[in-house]
PDB file of all heavy atoms in Angstrom:
ATOM      1  N   GLY A   1     -18.713   3.161  -5.491  1.00  0.00           N
ATOM      2  CA  GLY A   1     -17.813   2.003  -5.253  1.00  0.00           C
ATOM      3  C   GLY A   1     -18.169   1.210  -3.993  1.00  0.00           C
ATOM      4  O   GLY A   1     -17.414   0.238  -3.700  1.00  0.00           O
ATOM      5  N   ARG A   2     -19.228   1.629  -3.259  1.00  0.00           N
ATOM      6  CA  ARG A   2     -19.469   0.802  -1.998  1.00  0.00           C
ATOM      7  C   ARG A   2     -19.947  -0.572  -2.151  1.00  0.00           C
ATOM      8  O   ARG A   2     -19.788  -1.413  -1.275  1.00  0.00           O
ATOM      9  CB  ARG A   2     -20.301   1.681  -1.076  1.00  0.00           C
ATOM     10  CG  ARG A   2     -21.713   1.868  -1.564  1.00  0.00           C
ATOM     11  CD  ARG A   2     -22.483   2.657  -0.482  1.00  0.00           C
ATOM     12  NE  ARG A   2     -23.874   2.842  -0.798  1.00  0.00           N
ATOM     13  CZ  ARG A   2     -24.413   4.037  -1.328  1.00  0.00           C
ATOM     14  NH1 ARG A   2     -23.471   5.039  -1.528  1.00  0.00           N
ATOM     15  NH2 ARG A   2     -25.612   4.145  -1.606  1.00  0.00           N
ATOM     16  N   SER A   3     -20.474  -0.852  -3.384  1.00  0.00           N
ATOM     17  CA  SER A   3     -20.989  -2.142  -3.630  1.00  0.00           C
ATOM     18  C   SER A   3     -19.861  -3.179  -3.714  1.00  0.00           C
ATOM     19  O   SER A   3     -20.076  -4.393  -3.606  1.00  0.00           O
ATOM     20  CB  SER A   3     -21.890  -2.199  -4.925  1.00  0.00           C
ATOM     21  OG  SER A   3     -21.185  -1.828  -5.993  1.00  0.00           O
ATOM     22  N   VAL A   4     -18.704  -2.718  -3.965  1.00  0.00           N
ATOM     23  CA  VAL A   4     -17.418  -3.602  -4.076  1.00  0.00           C
ATOM     24  C   VAL A   4     -16.368  -3.226  -3.066  1.00  0.00           C
ATOM     25  O   VAL A   4     -15.221  -3.363  -3.330  1.00  0.00           O
ATOM     26  CB  VAL A   4     -16.924  -3.608  -5.520  1.00  0.00           C
ATOM     27  CG1 VAL A   4     -17.880  -4.238  -6.502  1.00  0.00           C
ATOM     28  CG2 VAL A   4     -16.582  -2.131  -6.037  1.00  0.00           C
ATOM     29  N   ILE A   5     -16.888  -2.639  -1.988  1.00  0.00           N
ATOM     30  CA  ILE A   5     -15.913  -2.200  -0.986  1.00  0.00           C
ATOM     31  C   ILE A   5     -14.949  -3.376  -0.470  1.00  0.00           C
ATOM     32  O   ILE A   5     -13.931  -3.076   0.048  1.00  0.00           O
ATOM     33  CB  ILE A   5     -16.571  -1.506   0.246  1.00  0.00           C
ATOM     34  CG1 ILE A   5     -15.623  -0.767   1.120  1.00  0.00           C
ATOM     35  CG2 ILE A   5     -17.398  -2.478   0.971  1.00  0.00           C
ATOM     36  CD1 ILE A   5     -16.280   0.026   2.200  1.00  0.00           C
ATOM     37  N   PHE A   6     -15.440  -4.552  -0.654  1.00  0.00           N
ATOM     38  CA  PHE A   6     -14.673  -5.731  -0.056  1.00  0.00           C
ATOM     39  C   PHE A   6     -13.334  -5.922  -0.892  1.00  0.00           C
ATOM     40  O   PHE A   6     -12.497  -6.687  -0.453  1.00  0.00           O
ATOM     41  CB  PHE A   6     -15.519  -7.026  -0.253  1.00  0.00           C
ATOM     42  CG  PHE A   6     -16.215  -7.236  -1.502  1.00  0.00           C
ATOM     43  CD1 PHE A   6     -15.582  -7.760  -2.542  1.00  0.00           C
ATOM     44  CD2 PHE A   6     -17.548  -6.833  -1.633  1.00  0.00           C
ATOM     45  CE1 PHE A   6     -16.218  -8.034  -3.837  1.00  0.00           C
ATOM     46  CE2 PHE A   6     -18.198  -7.091  -2.889  1.00  0.00           C
ATOM     47  CZ  PHE A   6     -17.543  -7.644  -3.888  1.00  0.00           C
ATOM     48  N   VAL A   7     -13.166  -5.214  -1.962  1.00  0.00           N
ATOM     49  CA  VAL A   7     -11.875  -5.322  -2.699  1.00  0.00           C
ATOM     50  C   VAL A   7     -10.789  -4.324  -2.041  1.00  0.00           C
ATOM     51  O   VAL A   7      -9.657  -4.431  -2.342  1.00  0.00           O
ATOM     52  CB  VAL A   7     -12.022  -4.971  -4.208  1.00  0.00           C
ATOM     53  CG1 VAL A   7     -13.122  -5.831  -4.780  1.00  0.00           C
ATOM     54  CG2 VAL A   7     -12.328  -3.541  -4.544  1.00  0.00           C
ATOM     55  N   LEU A   8     -11.311  -3.418  -1.221  1.00  0.00           N
ATOM     56  CA  LEU A   8     -10.376  -2.432  -0.754  1.00  0.00           C
ATOM     57  C   LEU A   8      -9.196  -3.025   0.059  1.00  0.00           C
ATOM     58  O   LEU A   8      -8.012  -2.663  -0.159  1.00  0.00           O
ATOM     59  CB  LEU A   8     -11.112  -1.456   0.187  1.00  0.00           C
ATOM     60  CG  LEU A   8     -10.336  -0.471   1.041  1.00  0.00           C
ATOM     61  CD1 LEU A   8      -9.409   0.418   0.128  1.00  0.00           C
ATOM     62  CD2 LEU A   8     -11.229   0.389   1.898  1.00  0.00           C
ATOM     63  N   PRO A   9      -9.403  -3.876   1.019  1.00  0.00           N
ATOM     64  CA  PRO A   9      -8.317  -4.424   1.852  1.00  0.00           C
ATOM     65  C   PRO A   9      -7.216  -5.102   0.907  1.00  0.00           C
ATOM     66  O   PRO A   9      -6.060  -4.981   1.187  1.00  0.00           O
ATOM     67  CB  PRO A   9      -8.885  -5.402   2.771  1.00  0.00           C
ATOM     68  CG  PRO A   9     -10.315  -4.989   2.956  1.00  0.00           C
ATOM     69  CD  PRO A   9     -10.659  -4.418   1.519  1.00  0.00           C
ATOM     70  N   GLY A  10      -7.706  -5.904  -0.063  1.00  0.00           N
ATOM     71  CA  GLY A  10      -6.731  -6.637  -0.853  1.00  0.00           C
ATOM     72  C   GLY A  10      -5.938  -5.704  -1.759  1.00  0.00           C
ATOM     73  O   GLY A  10      -4.732  -5.963  -1.947  1.00  0.00           O
ATOM     74  N   CYS A  11      -6.585  -4.677  -2.396  1.00  0.00           N
ATOM     75  CA  CYS A  11      -5.828  -3.707  -3.117  1.00  0.00           C
ATOM     76  C   CYS A  11      -4.809  -2.954  -2.304  1.00  0.00           C
ATOM     77  O   CYS A  11      -3.652  -2.691  -2.697  1.00  0.00           O
ATOM     78  CB  CYS A  11      -6.736  -2.736  -3.876  1.00  0.00           C
ATOM     79  SG  CYS A  11      -7.814  -3.462  -5.113  1.00  0.00           S
ATOM     80  N   LEU A  12      -5.222  -2.613  -1.082  1.00  0.00           N
ATOM     81  CA  LEU A  12      -4.392  -1.978  -0.127  1.00  0.00           C
ATOM     82  C   LEU A  12      -3.105  -2.828   0.273  1.00  0.00           C
ATOM     83  O   LEU A  12      -1.994  -2.498   0.403  1.00  0.00           O
ATOM     84  CB  LEU A  12      -5.060  -1.474   1.052  1.00  0.00           C
ATOM     85  CG  LEU A  12      -4.540  -0.378   1.956  1.00  0.00           C
ATOM     86  CD1 LEU A  12      -4.162   0.859   1.066  1.00  0.00           C
ATOM     87  CD2 LEU A  12      -5.442   0.096   2.997  1.00  0.00           C
ATOM     88  N   LEU A  13      -3.435  -4.134   0.465  1.00  0.00           N
ATOM     89  CA  LEU A  13      -2.436  -5.095   0.803  1.00  0.00           C
ATOM     90  C   LEU A  13      -1.431  -5.241  -0.252  1.00  0.00           C
ATOM     91  O   LEU A  13      -0.187  -5.459   0.042  1.00  0.00           O
ATOM     92  CB  LEU A  13      -3.104  -6.477   1.163  1.00  0.00           C
ATOM     93  CG  LEU A  13      -2.131  -7.594   1.461  1.00  0.00           C
ATOM     94  CD1 LEU A  13      -1.372  -7.253   2.773  1.00  0.00           C
ATOM     95  CD2 LEU A  13      -2.972  -8.963   1.628  1.00  0.00           C
ATOM     96  N   LEU A  14      -1.857  -5.232  -1.538  1.00  0.00           N
ATOM     97  CA  LEU A  14      -0.929  -5.377  -2.713  1.00  0.00           C
ATOM     98  C   LEU A  14       0.029  -4.165  -2.585  1.00  0.00           C
ATOM     99  O   LEU A  14       1.212  -4.389  -2.868  1.00  0.00           O
ATOM    100  CB  LEU A  14      -1.709  -5.340  -3.979  1.00  0.00           C
ATOM    101  CG  LEU A  14      -0.885  -5.459  -5.271  1.00  0.00           C
ATOM    102  CD1 LEU A  14      -0.061  -6.777  -5.256  1.00  0.00           C
ATOM    103  CD2 LEU A  14      -1.795  -5.324  -6.473  1.00  0.00           C
ATOM    104  N   LEU A  15      -0.419  -3.053  -2.268  1.00  0.00           N
ATOM    105  CA  LEU A  15       0.450  -1.833  -2.193  1.00  0.00           C
ATOM    106  C   LEU A  15       1.478  -1.941  -1.063  1.00  0.00           C
ATOM    107  O   LEU A  15       2.597  -1.673  -1.131  1.00  0.00           O
ATOM    108  CB  LEU A  15      -0.433  -0.612  -2.020  1.00  0.00           C
ATOM    109  CG  LEU A  15       0.307   0.718  -1.837  1.00  0.00           C
ATOM    110  CD1 LEU A  15       1.042   1.043  -3.106  1.00  0.00           C
ATOM    111  CD2 LEU A  15      -0.764   1.874  -1.634  1.00  0.00           C
ATOM    112  N   VAL A  16       0.938  -2.497   0.086  1.00  0.00           N
ATOM    113  CA  VAL A  16       1.776  -2.753   1.284  1.00  0.00           C
ATOM    114  C   VAL A  16       2.919  -3.740   0.987  1.00  0.00           C
ATOM    115  O   VAL A  16       4.040  -3.596   1.317  1.00  0.00           O
ATOM    116  CB  VAL A  16       0.949  -3.225   2.515  1.00  0.00           C
ATOM    117  CG1 VAL A  16       1.866  -3.658   3.606  1.00  0.00           C
ATOM    118  CG2 VAL A  16       0.048  -2.112   2.925  1.00  0.00           C
ATOM    119  N   ILE A  17       2.471  -4.821   0.256  1.00  0.00           N
ATOM    120  CA  ILE A  17       3.468  -5.875  -0.159  1.00  0.00           C
ATOM    121  C   ILE A  17       4.596  -5.272  -0.873  1.00  0.00           C
ATOM    122  O   ILE A  17       5.835  -5.488  -0.782  1.00  0.00           O
ATOM    123  CB  ILE A  17       2.830  -6.963  -0.895  1.00  0.00           C
ATOM    124  CG1 ILE A  17       1.872  -7.836   0.014  1.00  0.00           C
ATOM    125  CG2 ILE A  17       3.811  -7.916  -1.506  1.00  0.00           C
ATOM    126  CD1 ILE A  17       1.019  -8.756  -0.630  1.00  0.00           C
ATOM    127  N   ALA A  18       4.212  -4.371  -1.909  1.00  0.00           N
ATOM    128  CA  ALA A  18       5.241  -3.695  -2.700  1.00  0.00           C
ATOM    129  C   ALA A  18       6.117  -2.841  -1.868  1.00  0.00           C
ATOM    130  O   ALA A  18       7.345  -2.774  -2.121  1.00  0.00           O
ATOM    131  CB  ALA A  18       4.517  -2.921  -3.840  1.00  0.00           C
ATOM    132  N   ILE A  19       5.601  -2.012  -1.069  1.00  0.00           N
ATOM    133  CA  ILE A  19       6.363  -1.185  -0.189  1.00  0.00           C
ATOM    134  C   ILE A  19       7.350  -2.009   0.620  1.00  0.00           C
ATOM    135  O   ILE A  19       8.594  -1.602   0.785  1.00  0.00           O
ATOM    136  CB  ILE A  19       5.497  -0.371   0.684  1.00  0.00           C
ATOM    137  CG1 ILE A  19       4.683   0.672  -0.072  1.00  0.00           C
ATOM    138  CG2 ILE A  19       6.358   0.367   1.760  1.00  0.00           C
ATOM    139  CD1 ILE A  19       3.626   1.517   0.773  1.00  0.00           C
ATOM    140  N   GLU A  20       6.908  -3.097   1.148  1.00  0.00           N
ATOM    141  CA  GLU A  20       7.803  -3.895   1.989  1.00  0.00           C
ATOM    142  C   GLU A  20       8.900  -4.613   1.225  1.00  0.00           C
ATOM    143  O   GLU A  20       9.989  -4.857   1.758  1.00  0.00           O
ATOM    144  CB  GLU A  20       6.974  -4.858   2.831  1.00  0.00           C
ATOM    145  CG  GLU A  20       6.114  -4.397   3.950  1.00  0.00           C
ATOM    146  CD  GLU A  20       7.050  -3.898   5.118  1.00  0.00           C
ATOM    147  OE1 GLU A  20       7.993  -4.633   5.479  1.00  0.00           O
ATOM    148  OE2 GLU A  20       6.892  -2.774   5.647  1.00  0.00           O
ATOM    149  N   LYS A  21       8.576  -5.092   0.014  1.00  0.00           N
ATOM    150  CA  LYS A  21       9.431  -6.013  -0.731  1.00  0.00           C
ATOM    151  C   LYS A  21      10.213  -5.347  -1.848  1.00  0.00           C
ATOM    152  O   LYS A  21      11.232  -5.931  -2.196  1.00  0.00           O
ATOM    153  CB  LYS A  21       8.627  -7.086  -1.229  1.00  0.00           C
ATOM    154  CG  LYS A  21       7.996  -7.994  -0.177  1.00  0.00           C
ATOM    155  CD  LYS A  21       9.045  -8.644   0.667  1.00  0.00           C
ATOM    156  CE  LYS A  21       8.493  -9.537   1.734  1.00  0.00           C
ATOM    157  NZ  LYS A  21       9.547 -10.176   2.595  1.00  0.00           N
ATOM    158  N   VAL A  22       9.834  -4.238  -2.468  1.00  0.00           N
ATOM    159  CA  VAL A  22      10.525  -3.797  -3.627  1.00  0.00           C
ATOM    160  C   VAL A  22      11.003  -2.393  -3.624  1.00  0.00           C
ATOM    161  O   VAL A  22      11.764  -1.916  -4.466  1.00  0.00           O
ATOM    162  CB  VAL A  22       9.598  -3.986  -4.939  1.00  0.00           C
ATOM    163  CG1 VAL A  22       9.088  -5.441  -5.056  1.00  0.00           C
ATOM    164  CG2 VAL A  22       8.377  -3.014  -4.916  1.00  0.00           C
ATOM    165  N   THR A  23      10.664  -1.610  -2.598  1.00  0.00           N
ATOM    166  CA  THR A  23      11.076  -0.206  -2.554  1.00  0.00           C
ATOM    167  C   THR A  23      12.538   0.028  -2.056  1.00  0.00           C
ATOM    168  O   THR A  23      13.107   1.129  -2.326  1.00  0.00           O
ATOM    169  CB  THR A  23      10.156   0.661  -1.623  1.00  0.00           C
ATOM    170  OG1 THR A  23      10.005  -0.064  -0.376  1.00  0.00           O
ATOM    171  CG2 THR A  23       8.757   0.742  -2.296  1.00  0.00           C
ATOM    172  N   GLY A  24      13.098  -0.965  -1.446  1.00  0.00           N
ATOM    173  CA  GLY A  24      14.468  -0.892  -1.035  1.00  0.00           C
ATOM    174  C   GLY A  24      14.714   0.316  -0.192  1.00  0.00           C
ATOM    175  O   GLY A  24      14.141   0.529   0.891  1.00  0.00           O
ATOM    176  N   LYS A  25      15.740   1.139  -0.535  1.00  0.00           N
ATOM    177  CA  LYS A  25      16.083   2.287   0.226  1.00  0.00           C
ATOM    178  C   LYS A  25      15.010   3.364   0.315  1.00  0.00           C
ATOM    179  O   LYS A  25      15.067   4.314   1.048  1.00  0.00           O
ATOM    180  CB  LYS A  25      17.438   2.961  -0.288  1.00  0.00           C
ATOM    181  CG  LYS A  25      17.269   3.518  -1.634  1.00  0.00           C
ATOM    182  CD  LYS A  25      18.633   4.049  -2.128  1.00  0.00           C
ATOM    183  CE  LYS A  25      18.571   4.616  -3.512  1.00  0.00           C
ATOM    184  NZ  LYS A  25      19.861   5.161  -4.062  1.00  0.00           N
ATOM    185  N   PHE A  26      14.010   3.300  -0.586  1.00  0.00           N
ATOM    186  CA  PHE A  26      12.942   4.241  -0.625  1.00  0.00           C
ATOM    187  C   PHE A  26      11.708   3.731   0.254  1.00  0.00           C
ATOM    188  O   PHE A  26      10.654   4.386   0.196  1.00  0.00           O
ATOM    189  CB  PHE A  26      12.479   4.387  -2.051  1.00  0.00           C
ATOM    190  CG  PHE A  26      13.491   5.048  -2.925  1.00  0.00           C
ATOM    191  CD1 PHE A  26      14.110   4.232  -3.907  1.00  0.00           C
ATOM    192  CD2 PHE A  26      13.844   6.389  -2.819  1.00  0.00           C
ATOM    193  CE1 PHE A  26      15.141   4.742  -4.683  1.00  0.00           C
ATOM    194  CE2 PHE A  26      14.833   6.903  -3.666  1.00  0.00           C
ATOM    195  CZ  PHE A  26      15.434   6.072  -4.605  1.00  0.00           C
ATOM    196  N   LYS A  27      11.905   2.693   1.000  1.00  0.00           N
ATOM    197  CA  LYS A  27      10.880   2.112   1.733  1.00  0.00           C
ATOM    198  C   LYS A  27      10.333   3.080   2.844  1.00  0.00           C
ATOM    199  O   LYS A  27       9.143   3.386   2.816  1.00  0.00           O
ATOM    200  CB  LYS A  27      11.375   0.817   2.435  1.00  0.00           C
ATOM    201  CG  LYS A  27      10.312   0.168   3.434  1.00  0.00           C
ATOM    202  CD  LYS A  27      10.806  -0.955   4.009  1.00  0.00           C
ATOM    203  CE  LYS A  27       9.921  -1.590   5.060  1.00  0.00           C
ATOM    204  NZ  LYS A  27      10.396  -2.845   5.706  1.00  0.00           N
ATOM    205  N   ASN A  28      11.206   3.666   3.580  1.00  0.00           N
ATOM    206  CA  ASN A  28      10.818   4.668   4.598  1.00  0.00           C
ATOM    207  C   ASN A  28      10.025   5.886   4.044  1.00  0.00           C
ATOM    208  O   ASN A  28       9.054   6.311   4.540  1.00  0.00           O
ATOM    209  CB  ASN A  28      11.961   5.038   5.519  1.00  0.00           C
ATOM    210  CG  ASN A  28      12.415   3.838   6.371  1.00  0.00           C
ATOM    211  OD1 ASN A  28      11.748   2.882   6.579  1.00  0.00           O
ATOM    212  ND2 ASN A  28      13.627   4.046   6.941  1.00  0.00           N
ATOM    213  N   PRO A  29      10.709   6.512   2.970  1.00  0.00           N
ATOM    214  CA  PRO A  29       9.962   7.593   2.392  1.00  0.00           C
ATOM    215  C   PRO A  29       8.577   7.243   1.867  1.00  0.00           C
ATOM    216  O   PRO A  29       7.577   7.965   1.940  1.00  0.00           O
ATOM    217  CB  PRO A  29      10.919   8.017   1.254  1.00  0.00           C
ATOM    218  CG  PRO A  29      12.220   7.625   1.706  1.00  0.00           C
ATOM    219  CD  PRO A  29      12.006   6.381   2.437  1.00  0.00           C
ATOM    220  N   ALA A  30       8.545   6.020   1.247  1.00  0.00           N
ATOM    221  CA  ALA A  30       7.201   5.565   0.702  1.00  0.00           C
ATOM    222  C   ALA A  30       6.203   5.379   1.857  1.00  0.00           C
ATOM    223  O   ALA A  30       4.958   5.827   1.667  1.00  0.00           O
ATOM    224  CB  ALA A  30       7.375   4.257  -0.025  1.00  0.00           C
ATOM    225  N   ILE A  31       6.571   4.946   2.991  1.00  0.00           N
ATOM    226  CA  ILE A  31       5.681   4.687   4.086  1.00  0.00           C
ATOM    227  C   ILE A  31       5.237   6.073   4.543  1.00  0.00           C
ATOM    228  O   ILE A  31       4.009   6.273   4.820  1.00  0.00           O
ATOM    229  CB  ILE A  31       6.439   3.979   5.222  1.00  0.00           C
ATOM    230  CG1 ILE A  31       6.663   2.454   4.826  1.00  0.00           C
ATOM    231  CG2 ILE A  31       5.585   4.054   6.584  1.00  0.00           C
ATOM    232  CD1 ILE A  31       7.408   1.663   5.841  1.00  0.00           C
ATOM    233  N   LEU A  32       6.124   7.051   4.779  1.00  0.00           N
ATOM    234  CA  LEU A  32       5.775   8.281   5.262  1.00  0.00           C
ATOM    235  C   LEU A  32       4.935   9.018   4.289  1.00  0.00           C
ATOM    236  O   LEU A  32       3.894   9.749   4.652  1.00  0.00           O
ATOM    237  CB  LEU A  32       6.993   9.238   5.574  1.00  0.00           C
ATOM    238  CG  LEU A  32       7.919   8.604   6.749  1.00  0.00           C
ATOM    239  CD1 LEU A  32       9.175   9.512   6.808  1.00  0.00           C
ATOM    240  CD2 LEU A  32       7.186   8.592   7.989  1.00  0.00           C
ATOM    241  N   VAL A  33       5.197   9.044   2.950  1.00  0.00           N
ATOM    242  CA  VAL A  33       4.329   9.637   1.963  1.00  0.00           C
ATOM    243  C   VAL A  33       2.843   9.048   1.971  1.00  0.00           C
ATOM    244  O   VAL A  33       1.999   9.905   2.026  1.00  0.00           O
ATOM    245  CB  VAL A  33       4.921   9.433   0.555  1.00  0.00           C
ATOM    246  CG1 VAL A  33       3.931   9.799  -0.515  1.00  0.00           C
ATOM    247  CG2 VAL A  33       6.082  10.309   0.406  1.00  0.00           C
ATOM    248  N   MET A  34       2.696   7.812   2.018  1.00  0.00           N
ATOM    249  CA  MET A  34       1.399   7.196   2.142  1.00  0.00           C
ATOM    250  C   MET A  34       0.704   7.602   3.446  1.00  0.00           C
ATOM    251  O   MET A  34      -0.539   7.940   3.374  1.00  0.00           O
ATOM    252  CB  MET A  34       1.464   5.690   2.000  1.00  0.00           C
ATOM    253  CG  MET A  34       1.815   5.113   0.668  1.00  0.00           C
ATOM    254  SD  MET A  34       0.604   5.642  -0.601  1.00  0.00           S
ATOM    255  CE  MET A  34      -0.881   4.892   0.005  1.00  0.00           C
ATOM    256  N   LEU A  35       1.307   7.631   4.624  1.00  0.00           N
ATOM    257  CA  LEU A  35       0.642   7.970   5.802  1.00  0.00           C
ATOM    258  C   LEU A  35       0.267   9.431   5.767  1.00  0.00           C
ATOM    259  O   LEU A  35      -0.909   9.814   6.172  1.00  0.00           O
ATOM    260  CB  LEU A  35       1.565   7.781   6.948  1.00  0.00           C
ATOM    261  CG  LEU A  35       1.951   6.284   7.303  1.00  0.00           C
ATOM    262  CD1 LEU A  35       2.887   6.273   8.528  1.00  0.00           C
ATOM    263  CD2 LEU A  35       0.714   5.481   7.717  1.00  0.00           C
ATOM    264  N   ILE A  36       1.088  10.333   5.324  1.00  0.00           N
ATOM    265  CA  ILE A  36       0.845  11.749   5.240  1.00  0.00           C
ATOM    266  C   ILE A  36      -0.294  11.964   4.214  1.00  0.00           C
ATOM    267  O   ILE A  36      -1.225  12.814   4.454  1.00  0.00           O
ATOM    268  CB  ILE A  36       2.049  12.558   4.909  1.00  0.00           C
ATOM    269  CG1 ILE A  36       3.142  12.442   6.068  1.00  0.00           C
ATOM    270  CG2 ILE A  36       1.755  13.997   4.640  1.00  0.00           C
ATOM    271  CD1 ILE A  36       4.388  13.040   5.753  1.00  0.00           C
TER     272      ILE A  36
END
């Protein structure tokens, strides 16, 4: 997958946008789960 590594930031950003905008009360657990 390194030949298309340039898609990584955008895919990760999509996940971040969802955590910030749609997880609601589960936002903090979602952040901690991803970090861990």
